């Protein structure tokens, strides 16, 4: 079993993800090989909340060009975690609105 900090890498702070906080949906960058059950347990352990559902998506790394050389950013995985209605919110995100 991996540590929760190895599964949840960082929060994603965008205009779209901030708009979803009202519906108790929080967006995180997660480990590429993490599954939905691991992500749910990691969020519950780190933030002391109860998770209702987890939606994941694999994001392709974009092309990055420096001069005439073309490289690629690494592929990554995004998770949108929905909390239960009776659960408290995540304090980290609450201060950003």
PDB file of N, CA and C in Angstrom:
ATOM      1  N   UNK A   1       0.847  -1.188   0.000  1.00  0.00           N
ATOM      2  CA  UNK A   1       0.000   0.000   0.000  1.00  0.00           C
ATOM      3  C   UNK A   1       0.883   1.240   0.000  1.00  0.00           C
ATOM      4  N   UNK A   2       0.614   2.124  -0.916  1.00  0.00           N
ATOM      5  CA  UNK A   2       1.381   3.364  -1.010  1.00  0.00           C
ATOM      6  C   UNK A   2       0.844   4.406  -0.056  1.00  0.00           C
ATOM      7  N   UNK A   3       1.678   5.370   0.255  1.00  0.00           N
ATOM      8  CA  UNK A   3       1.249   6.475   1.108  1.00  0.00           C
ATOM      9  C   UNK A   3       0.311   7.389   0.318  1.00  0.00           C
ATOM     10  N   UNK A   4      -0.562   8.076   1.051  1.00  0.00           N
ATOM     11  CA  UNK A   4      -1.539   8.969   0.408  1.00  0.00           C
ATOM     12  C   UNK A   4      -0.837  10.101  -0.336  1.00  0.00           C
ATOM     13  N   UNK A   5       0.313  10.549   0.176  1.00  0.00           N
ATOM     14  CA  UNK A   5       1.053  11.632  -0.476  1.00  0.00           C
ATOM     15  C   UNK A   5       1.653  11.191  -1.812  1.00  0.00           C
ATOM     16  N   UNK A   6       1.842   9.886  -2.002  1.00  0.00           N
ATOM     17  CA  UNK A   6       2.354   9.384  -3.279  1.00  0.00           C
ATOM     18  C   UNK A   6       1.255   9.260  -4.325  1.00  0.00           C
ATOM     19  N   UNK A   7       0.000   9.239  -3.897  1.00  0.00           N
ATOM     20  CA  UNK A   7      -1.126   9.108  -4.828  1.00  0.00           C
ATOM     21  C   UNK A   7      -1.648  10.482  -5.227  1.00  0.00           C
ATOM     22  N   UNK A   8      -1.916  11.354  -4.253  1.00  0.00           N
ATOM     23  CA  UNK A   8      -2.380  12.717  -4.534  1.00  0.00           C
ATOM     24  C   UNK A   8      -1.153  13.597  -4.671  1.00  0.00           C
ATOM     25  N   UNK A   9      -0.856  14.048  -5.884  1.00  0.00           N
ATOM     26  CA  UNK A   9       0.375  14.798  -6.122  1.00  0.00           C
ATOM     27  C   UNK A   9       0.208  16.286  -5.842  1.00  0.00           C
ATOM     28  N   UNK A  10      -0.852  16.909  -6.379  1.00  0.00           N
ATOM     29  CA  UNK A  10      -1.090  18.326  -6.119  1.00  0.00           C
ATOM     30  C   UNK A  10      -2.503  18.690  -6.546  1.00  0.00           C
ATOM     31  N   UNK A  11      -3.047  19.757  -5.975  1.00  0.00           N
ATOM     32  CA  UNK A  11      -4.375  20.214  -6.405  1.00  0.00           C
ATOM     33  C   UNK A  11      -4.273  20.966  -7.732  1.00  0.00           C
ATOM     34  N   UNK A  12      -5.341  20.958  -8.474  1.00  0.00           N
ATOM     35  CA  UNK A  12      -5.400  21.710  -9.727  1.00  0.00           C
ATOM     36  C   UNK A  12      -6.255  22.943  -9.469  1.00  0.00           C
ATOM     37  N   UNK A  13      -5.647  24.120  -9.603  1.00  0.00           N
ATOM     38  CA  UNK A  13      -6.320  25.386  -9.320  1.00  0.00           C
ATOM     39  C   UNK A  13      -6.548  26.109 -10.640  1.00  0.00           C
ATOM     40  N   UNK A  14      -7.759  25.986 -11.181  1.00  0.00           N
ATOM     41  CA  UNK A  14      -8.131  26.695 -12.395  1.00  0.00           C
ATOM     42  C   UNK A  14      -9.496  27.338 -12.159  1.00  0.00           C
ATOM     43  N   UNK A  15      -9.907  28.163 -13.084  1.00  0.00           N
ATOM     44  CA  UNK A  15     -11.216  28.811 -12.969  1.00  0.00           C
ATOM     45  C   UNK A  15     -12.333  27.770 -12.972  1.00  0.00           C
ATOM     46  N   UNK A  16     -12.202  26.755 -13.805  1.00  0.00           N
ATOM     47  CA  UNK A  16     -13.212  25.707 -13.885  1.00  0.00           C
ATOM     48  C   UNK A  16     -13.261  24.878 -12.600  1.00  0.00           C
ATOM     49  N   UNK A  17     -12.098  24.520 -12.061  1.00  0.00           N
ATOM     50  CA  UNK A  17     -12.091  23.711 -10.840  1.00  0.00           C
ATOM     51  C   UNK A  17     -12.589  24.503  -9.634  1.00  0.00           C
ATOM     52  N   UNK A  18     -12.359  25.803  -9.607  1.00  0.00           N
ATOM     53  CA  UNK A  18     -12.866  26.626  -8.509  1.00  0.00           C
ATOM     54  C   UNK A  18     -14.393  26.764  -8.580  1.00  0.00           C
ATOM     55  N   UNK A  19     -14.952  26.742  -9.790  1.00  0.00           N
ATOM     56  CA  UNK A  19     -16.400  26.838  -9.940  1.00  0.00           C
ATOM     57  C   UNK A  19     -17.087  25.557  -9.461  1.00  0.00           C
ATOM     58  N   UNK A  20     -16.388  24.426  -9.482  1.00  0.00           N
ATOM     59  CA  UNK A  20     -16.978  23.158  -9.061  1.00  0.00           C
ATOM     60  C   UNK A  20     -16.988  22.962  -7.555  1.00  0.00           C
ATOM     61  N   UNK A  21     -16.302  23.824  -6.808  1.00  0.00           N
ATOM     62  CA  UNK A  21     -16.241  23.676  -5.356  1.00  0.00           C
ATOM     63  C   UNK A  21     -17.624  23.827  -4.730  1.00  0.00           C
ATOM     64  N   UNK A  22     -18.493  24.632  -5.318  1.00  0.00           N
ATOM     65  CA  UNK A  22     -19.851  24.806  -4.793  1.00  0.00           C
ATOM     66  C   UNK A  22     -20.618  23.482  -4.800  1.00  0.00           C
ATOM     67  N   UNK A  23     -20.298  22.586  -5.743  1.00  0.00           N
ATOM     68  CA  UNK A  23     -20.934  21.268  -5.828  1.00  0.00           C
ATOM     69  C   UNK A  23     -20.146  20.206  -5.063  1.00  0.00           C
ATOM     70  N   UNK A  24     -19.160  20.633  -4.264  1.00  0.00           N
ATOM     71  CA  UNK A  24     -18.277  19.739  -3.498  1.00  0.00           C
ATOM     72  C   UNK A  24     -17.496  18.811  -4.411  1.00  0.00           C
ATOM     73  N   UNK A  25     -16.988  19.356  -5.524  1.00  0.00           N
ATOM     74  CA  UNK A  25     -16.132  18.607  -6.438  1.00  0.00           C
ATOM     75  C   UNK A  25     -14.758  19.257  -6.425  1.00  0.00           C
ATOM     76  N   UNK A  26     -13.738  18.459  -6.139  1.00  0.00           N
ATOM     77  CA  UNK A  26     -12.366  18.953  -6.018  1.00  0.00           C
ATOM     78  C   UNK A  26     -11.485  18.216  -7.019  1.00  0.00           C
ATOM     79  N   UNK A  27     -10.554  18.939  -7.641  1.00  0.00           N
ATOM     80  CA  UNK A  27      -9.736  18.403  -8.716  1.00  0.00           C
ATOM     81  C   UNK A  27      -8.292  18.266  -8.256  1.00  0.00           C
ATOM     82  N   UNK A  28      -7.687  17.101  -8.531  1.00  0.00           N
ATOM     83  CA  UNK A  28      -6.311  16.823  -8.134  1.00  0.00           C
ATOM     84  C   UNK A  28      -5.536  16.197  -9.281  1.00  0.00           C
ATOM     85  N   UNK A  29      -4.226  16.439  -9.299  1.00  0.00           N
ATOM     86  CA  UNK A  29      -3.314  15.686 -10.150  1.00  0.00           C
ATOM     87  C   UNK A  29      -2.883  14.479  -9.336  1.00  0.00           C
ATOM     88  N   UNK A  30      -3.030  13.287  -9.903  1.00  0.00           N
ATOM     89  CA  UNK A  30      -2.761  12.058  -9.168  1.00  0.00           C
ATOM     90  C   UNK A  30      -1.730  11.213  -9.914  1.00  0.00           C
ATOM     91  N   UNK A  31      -1.237  10.186  -9.240  1.00  0.00           N
ATOM     92  CA  UNK A  31      -0.278   9.264  -9.858  1.00  0.00           C
ATOM     93  C   UNK A  31      -0.938   8.561 -11.035  1.00  0.00           C
ATOM     94  N   UNK A  32      -0.184   8.335 -12.094  1.00  0.00           N
ATOM     95  CA  UNK A  32      -0.720   7.767 -13.330  1.00  0.00           C
ATOM     96  C   UNK A  32      -1.251   6.350 -13.103  1.00  0.00           C
ATOM     97  N   UNK A  33      -0.627   5.594 -12.218  1.00  0.00           N
ATOM     98  CA  UNK A  33      -1.037   4.211 -12.005  1.00  0.00           C
ATOM     99  C   UNK A  33      -2.024   4.038 -10.850  1.00  0.00           C
ATOM    100  N   UNK A  34      -2.548   5.133 -10.298  1.00  0.00           N
ATOM    101  CA  UNK A  34      -3.508   5.060  -9.192  1.00  0.00           C
ATOM    102  C   UNK A  34      -4.903   4.763  -9.730  1.00  0.00           C
ATOM    103  N   UNK A  35      -5.672   3.935  -8.992  1.00  0.00           N
ATOM    104  CA  UNK A  35      -7.046   3.659  -9.397  1.00  0.00           C
ATOM    105  C   UNK A  35      -8.006   4.458  -8.520  1.00  0.00           C
ATOM    106  N   UNK A  36      -9.305   4.358  -8.819  1.00  0.00           N
ATOM    107  CA  UNK A  36     -10.299   5.182  -8.137  1.00  0.00           C
ATOM    108  C   UNK A  36     -10.395   4.865  -6.649  1.00  0.00           C
ATOM    109  N   UNK A  37     -10.262   3.606  -6.285  1.00  0.00           N
ATOM    110  CA  UNK A  37     -10.352   3.213  -4.875  1.00  0.00           C
ATOM    111  C   UNK A  37      -9.184   3.797  -4.088  1.00  0.00           C
ATOM    112  N   UNK A  38      -7.981   3.715  -4.642  1.00  0.00           N
ATOM    113  CA  UNK A  38      -6.802   4.282  -3.980  1.00  0.00           C
ATOM    114  C   UNK A  38      -6.926   5.793  -3.830  1.00  0.00           C
ATOM    115  N   UNK A  39      -7.437   6.461  -4.855  1.00  0.00           N
ATOM    116  CA  UNK A  39      -7.594   7.918  -4.814  1.00  0.00           C
ATOM    117  C   UNK A  39      -8.601   8.303  -3.730  1.00  0.00           C
ATOM    118  N   UNK A  40      -9.721   7.598  -3.649  1.00  0.00           N
ATOM    119  CA  UNK A  40     -10.737   7.900  -2.648  1.00  0.00           C
ATOM    120  C   UNK A  40     -10.183   7.717  -1.235  1.00  0.00           C
ATOM    121  N   UNK A  41      -9.462   6.638  -0.996  1.00  0.00           N
ATOM    122  CA  UNK A  41      -8.888   6.388   0.333  1.00  0.00           C
ATOM    123  C   UNK A  41      -7.836   7.431   0.680  1.00  0.00           C
ATOM    124  N   UNK A  42      -7.048   7.859  -0.306  1.00  0.00           N
ATOM    125  CA  UNK A  42      -6.011   8.860  -0.062  1.00  0.00           C
ATOM    126  C   UNK A  42      -6.622  10.210   0.301  1.00  0.00           C
ATOM    127  N   UNK A  43      -7.680  10.623  -0.384  1.00  0.00           N
ATOM    128  CA  UNK A  43      -8.336  11.901  -0.080  1.00  0.00           C
ATOM    129  C   UNK A  43      -8.975  11.844   1.301  1.00  0.00           C
ATOM    130  N   UNK A  44      -9.607  10.727   1.634  1.00  0.00           N
ATOM    131  CA  UNK A  44     -10.218  10.586   2.958  1.00  0.00           C
ATOM    132  C   UNK A  44      -9.169  10.648   4.060  1.00  0.00           C
ATOM    133  N   UNK A  45      -8.014  10.036   3.819  1.00  0.00           N
ATOM    134  CA  UNK A  45      -6.946  10.030   4.819  1.00  0.00           C
ATOM    135  C   UNK A  45      -6.298  11.401   4.972  1.00  0.00           C
ATOM    136  N   UNK A  46      -6.036  12.075   3.867  1.00  0.00           N
ATOM    137  CA  UNK A  46      -5.331  13.360   3.920  1.00  0.00           C
ATOM    138  C   UNK A  46      -6.199  14.485   4.466  1.00  0.00           C
ATOM    139  N   UNK A  47      -7.463  14.552   4.049  1.00  0.00           N
ATOM    140  CA  UNK A  47      -8.298  15.707   4.359  1.00  0.00           C
ATOM    141  C   UNK A  47      -9.415  15.415   5.359  1.00  0.00           C
ATOM    142  N   UNK A  48      -9.537  14.167   5.832  1.00  0.00           N
ATOM    143  CA  UNK A  48     -10.544  13.778   6.835  1.00  0.00           C
ATOM    144  C   UNK A  48     -11.971  14.116   6.374  1.00  0.00           C
ATOM    145  N   UNK A  49     -12.299  13.712   5.152  1.00  0.00           N
ATOM    146  CA  UNK A  49     -13.625  13.915   4.570  1.00  0.00           C
ATOM    147  C   UNK A  49     -14.152  12.563   4.086  1.00  0.00           C
ATOM    148  N   UNK A  50     -15.428  12.499   3.718  1.00  0.00           N
ATOM    149  CA  UNK A  50     -15.983  11.268   3.159  1.00  0.00           C
ATOM    150  C   UNK A  50     -16.258  11.476   1.670  1.00  0.00           C
ATOM    151  N   UNK A  51     -15.745  10.570   0.848  1.00  0.00           N
ATOM    152  CA  UNK A  51     -15.803  10.678  -0.609  1.00  0.00           C
ATOM    153  C   UNK A  51     -17.018   9.920  -1.129  1.00  0.00           C
ATOM    154  N   UNK A  52     -17.755  10.560  -2.032  1.00  0.00           N
ATOM    155  CA  UNK A  52     -18.917   9.933  -2.661  1.00  0.00           C
ATOM    156  C   UNK A  52     -18.506   9.219  -3.941  1.00  0.00           C
ATOM    157  N   UNK A  53     -17.788   9.910  -4.829  1.00  0.00           N
ATOM    158  CA  UNK A  53     -17.372   9.296  -6.094  1.00  0.00           C
ATOM    159  C   UNK A  53     -16.078   9.926  -6.587  1.00  0.00           C
ATOM    160  N   UNK A  54     -15.417   9.203  -7.501  1.00  0.00           N
ATOM    161  CA  UNK A  54     -14.169   9.676  -8.102  1.00  0.00           C
ATOM    162  C   UNK A  54     -14.259   9.476  -9.606  1.00  0.00           C
ATOM    163  N   UNK A  55     -14.003  10.528 -10.361  1.00  0.00           N
ATOM    164  CA  UNK A  55     -13.913  10.449 -11.818  1.00  0.00           C
ATOM    165  C   UNK A  55     -12.468  10.724 -12.200  1.00  0.00           C
ATOM    166  N   UNK A  56     -11.910   9.891 -13.080  1.00  0.00           N
ATOM    167  CA  UNK A  56     -10.516  10.066 -13.490  1.00  0.00           C
ATOM    168  C   UNK A  56     -10.430  10.228 -14.994  1.00  0.00           C
ATOM    169  N   UNK A  57      -9.364  10.902 -15.418  1.00  0.00           N
ATOM    170  CA  UNK A  57      -9.095  11.025 -16.846  1.00  0.00           C
ATOM    171  C   UNK A  57      -7.588  11.094 -17.079  1.00  0.00           C
ATOM    172  N   UNK A  58      -7.151  10.432 -18.123  1.00  0.00           N
ATOM    173  CA  UNK A  58      -5.749  10.467 -18.515  1.00  0.00           C
ATOM    174  C   UNK A  58      -5.552  11.624 -19.479  1.00  0.00           C
ATOM    175  N   UNK A  59      -4.569  12.475 -19.188  1.00  0.00           N
ATOM    176  CA  UNK A  59      -4.294  13.649 -20.011  1.00  0.00           C
ATOM    177  C   UNK A  59      -2.973  13.449 -20.732  1.00  0.00           C
ATOM    178  N   UNK A  60      -2.969  13.707 -22.008  1.00  0.00           N
ATOM    179  CA  UNK A  60      -1.759  13.569 -22.797  1.00  0.00           C
ATOM    180  C   UNK A  60      -0.847  14.761 -22.562  1.00  0.00           C
ATOM    181  N   UNK A  61       0.454  14.504 -22.493  1.00  0.00           N
ATOM    182  CA  UNK A  61       1.414  15.585 -22.373  1.00  0.00           C
ATOM    183  C   UNK A  61       1.513  16.337 -23.686  1.00  0.00           C
ATOM    184  N   UNK A  62       1.613  17.647 -23.575  1.00  0.00           N
ATOM    185  CA  UNK A  62       1.626  18.434 -24.809  1.00  0.00           C
ATOM    186  C   UNK A  62       3.032  18.507 -25.389  1.00  0.00           C
ATOM    187  N   UNK A  63       3.095  18.880 -26.673  1.00  0.00           N
ATOM    188  CA  UNK A  63       4.370  19.057 -27.343  1.00  0.00           C
ATOM    189  C   UNK A  63       5.020  20.337 -26.863  1.00  0.00           C
ATOM    190  N   UNK A  64       6.299  20.303 -26.638  1.00  0.00           N
ATOM    191  CA  UNK A  64       7.037  21.481 -26.192  1.00  0.00           C
ATOM    192  C   UNK A  64       8.202  21.673 -27.150  1.00  0.00           C
ATOM    193  N   UNK A  65       8.299  22.870 -27.693  1.00  0.00           N
ATOM    194  CA  UNK A  65       9.328  23.146 -28.687  1.00  0.00           C
ATOM    195  C   UNK A  65      10.304  24.175 -28.145  1.00  0.00           C
ATOM    196  N   UNK A  66      11.585  23.882 -28.280  1.00  0.00           N
ATOM    197  CA  UNK A  66      12.645  24.817 -27.918  1.00  0.00           C
ATOM    198  C   UNK A  66      13.542  24.946 -29.152  1.00  0.00           C
ATOM    199  N   UNK A  67      13.421  26.078 -29.847  1.00  0.00           N
ATOM    200  CA  UNK A  67      14.156  26.239 -31.091  1.00  0.00           C
ATOM    201  C   UNK A  67      13.614  25.286 -32.134  1.00  0.00           C
ATOM    202  N   UNK A  68      14.492  24.489 -32.712  1.00  0.00           N
ATOM    203  CA  UNK A  68      14.018  23.522 -33.697  1.00  0.00           C
ATOM    204  C   UNK A  68      13.840  22.127 -33.106  1.00  0.00           C
ATOM    205  N   UNK A  69      14.123  21.974 -31.825  1.00  0.00           N
ATOM    206  CA  UNK A  69      13.965  20.687 -31.159  1.00  0.00           C
ATOM    207  C   UNK A  69      12.551  20.572 -30.579  1.00  0.00           C
ATOM    208  N   UNK A  70      11.948  19.428 -30.771  1.00  0.00           N
ATOM    209  CA  UNK A  70      10.592  19.186 -30.275  1.00  0.00           C
ATOM    210  C   UNK A  70      10.652  18.073 -29.241  1.00  0.00           C
ATOM    211  N   UNK A  71      10.073  18.350 -28.086  1.00  0.00           N
ATOM    212  CA  UNK A  71       9.986  17.351 -27.026  1.00  0.00           C
ATOM    213  C   UNK A  71       8.554  17.209 -26.564  1.00  0.00           C
ATOM    214  N   UNK A  72       8.339  16.389 -25.570  1.00  0.00           N
ATOM    215  CA  UNK A  72       6.994  16.159 -25.049  1.00  0.00           C
ATOM    216  C   UNK A  72       7.006  16.253 -23.539  1.00  0.00           C
ATOM    217  N   UNK A  73       5.963  16.891 -22.992  1.00  0.00           N
ATOM    218  CA  UNK A  73       5.745  16.865 -21.549  1.00  0.00           C
ATOM    219  C   UNK A  73       5.208  15.471 -21.201  1.00  0.00           C
ATOM    220  N   UNK A  74       5.398  15.022 -19.984  1.00  0.00           N
ATOM    221  CA  UNK A  74       4.912  13.676 -19.643  1.00  0.00           C
ATOM    222  C   UNK A  74       3.386  13.624 -19.551  1.00  0.00           C
ATOM    223  N   UNK A  75       2.822  12.440 -19.820  1.00  0.00           N
ATOM    224  CA  UNK A  75       1.391  12.226 -19.639  1.00  0.00           C
ATOM    225  C   UNK A  75       1.081  12.246 -18.144  1.00  0.00           C
ATOM    226  N   UNK A  76      -0.149  12.643 -17.788  1.00  0.00           N
ATOM    227  CA  UNK A  76      -0.529  12.725 -16.383  1.00  0.00           C
ATOM    228  C   UNK A  76      -1.985  12.359 -16.209  1.00  0.00           C
ATOM    229  N   UNK A  77      -2.398  12.204 -14.968  1.00  0.00           N
ATOM    230  CA  UNK A  77      -3.761  11.771 -14.674  1.00  0.00           C
ATOM    231  C   UNK A  77      -4.427  12.784 -13.758  1.00  0.00           C
ATOM    232  N   UNK A  78      -5.700  13.085 -14.050  1.00  0.00           N
ATOM    233  CA  UNK A  78      -6.482  14.042 -13.277  1.00  0.00           C
ATOM    234  C   UNK A  78      -7.651  13.315 -12.648  1.00  0.00           C
ATOM    235  N   UNK A  79      -7.953  13.664 -11.388  1.00  0.00           N
ATOM    236  CA  UNK A  79      -9.084  13.067 -10.692  1.00  0.00           C
ATOM    237  C   UNK A  79     -10.004  14.168 -10.172  1.00  0.00           C
ATOM    238  N   UNK A  80     -11.311  14.010 -10.399  1.00  0.00           N
ATOM    239  CA  UNK A  80     -12.310  14.906  -9.838  1.00  0.00           C
ATOM    240  C   UNK A  80     -13.035  14.129  -8.756  1.00  0.00           C
ATOM    241  N   UNK A  81     -12.853  14.571  -7.519  1.00  0.00           N
ATOM    242  CA  UNK A  81     -13.387  13.870  -6.355  1.00  0.00           C
ATOM    243  C   UNK A  81     -14.639  14.599  -5.875  1.00  0.00           C
ATOM    244  N   UNK A  82     -15.753  13.871  -5.772  1.00  0.00           N
ATOM    245  CA  UNK A  82     -17.003  14.426  -5.269  1.00  0.00           C
ATOM    246  C   UNK A  82     -17.186  13.957  -3.835  1.00  0.00           C
ATOM    247  N   UNK A  83     -17.422  14.918  -2.930  1.00  0.00           N
ATOM    248  CA  UNK A  83     -17.637  14.583  -1.529  1.00  0.00           C
ATOM    249  C   UNK A  83     -19.115  14.352  -1.266  1.00  0.00           C
ATOM    250  N   UNK A  84     -19.417  13.625  -0.190  1.00  0.00           N
ATOM    251  CA  UNK A  84     -20.802  13.394   0.200  1.00  0.00           C
ATOM    252  C   UNK A  84     -21.424  14.696   0.669  1.00  0.00           C
ATOM    253  N   UNK A  85     -22.758  14.788   0.580  1.00  0.00           N
ATOM    254  CA  UNK A  85     -23.463  16.023   0.919  1.00  0.00           C
ATOM    255  C   UNK A  85     -23.263  16.436   2.372  1.00  0.00           C
ATOM    256  N   UNK A  86     -23.192  15.457   3.287  1.00  0.00           N
ATOM    257  CA  UNK A  86     -23.049  15.776   4.704  1.00  0.00           C
ATOM    258  C   UNK A  86     -21.590  15.944   5.132  1.00  0.00           C
ATOM    259  N   UNK A  87     -20.649  15.811   4.212  1.00  0.00           N
ATOM    260  CA  UNK A  87     -19.232  15.948   4.532  1.00  0.00           C
ATOM    261  C   UNK A  87     -18.822  17.419   4.553  1.00  0.00           C
ATOM    262  N   UNK A  88     -17.826  17.720   5.359  1.00  0.00           N
ATOM    263  CA  UNK A  88     -17.295  19.081   5.371  1.00  0.00           C
ATOM    264  C   UNK A  88     -16.417  19.287   4.140  1.00  0.00           C
ATOM    265  N   UNK A  89     -16.140  20.543   3.802  1.00  0.00           N
ATOM    266  CA  UNK A  89     -15.311  20.840   2.649  1.00  0.00           C
ATOM    267  C   UNK A  89     -13.832  20.710   2.980  1.00  0.00           C
ATOM    268  N   UNK A  90     -13.004  20.820   1.964  1.00  0.00           N
ATOM    269  CA  UNK A  90     -11.552  20.775   2.145  1.00  0.00           C
ATOM    270  C   UNK A  90     -11.073  22.197   2.393  1.00  0.00           C
ATOM    271  N   UNK A  91     -10.436  22.430   3.545  1.00  0.00           N
ATOM    272  CA  UNK A  91     -10.069  23.785   3.968  1.00  0.00           C
ATOM    273  C   UNK A  91      -9.079  24.446   3.008  1.00  0.00           C
ATOM    274  N   UNK A  92      -8.216  23.656   2.385  1.00  0.00           N
ATOM    275  CA  UNK A  92      -7.219  24.214   1.466  1.00  0.00           C
ATOM    276  C   UNK A  92      -7.888  24.998   0.345  1.00  0.00           C
ATOM    277  N   UNK A  93      -8.979  24.475  -0.198  1.00  0.00           N
ATOM    278  CA  UNK A  93      -9.671  25.105  -1.314  1.00  0.00           C
ATOM    279  C   UNK A  93     -10.574  26.246  -0.843  1.00  0.00           C
ATOM    280  N   UNK A  94     -11.087  26.170   0.378  1.00  0.00           N
ATOM    281  CA  UNK A  94     -12.065  27.153   0.851  1.00  0.00           C
ATOM    282  C   UNK A  94     -11.496  28.563   0.904  1.00  0.00           C
ATOM    283  N   UNK A  95     -10.220  28.708   1.210  1.00  0.00           N
ATOM    284  CA  UNK A  95      -9.616  30.030   1.290  1.00  0.00           C
ATOM    285  C   UNK A  95      -9.363  30.669  -0.056  1.00  0.00           C
ATOM    286  N   UNK A  96      -9.536  29.946  -1.146  1.00  0.00           N
ATOM    287  CA  UNK A  96      -9.214  30.466  -2.474  1.00  0.00           C
ATOM    288  C   UNK A  96     -10.380  31.148  -3.154  1.00  0.00           C
ATOM    289  N   UNK A  97     -11.595  30.927  -2.669  1.00  0.00           N
ATOM    290  CA  UNK A  97     -12.756  31.549  -3.322  1.00  0.00           C
ATOM    291  C   UNK A  97     -12.868  32.996  -2.986  1.00  0.00           C
TER     292      UNK A  97
END
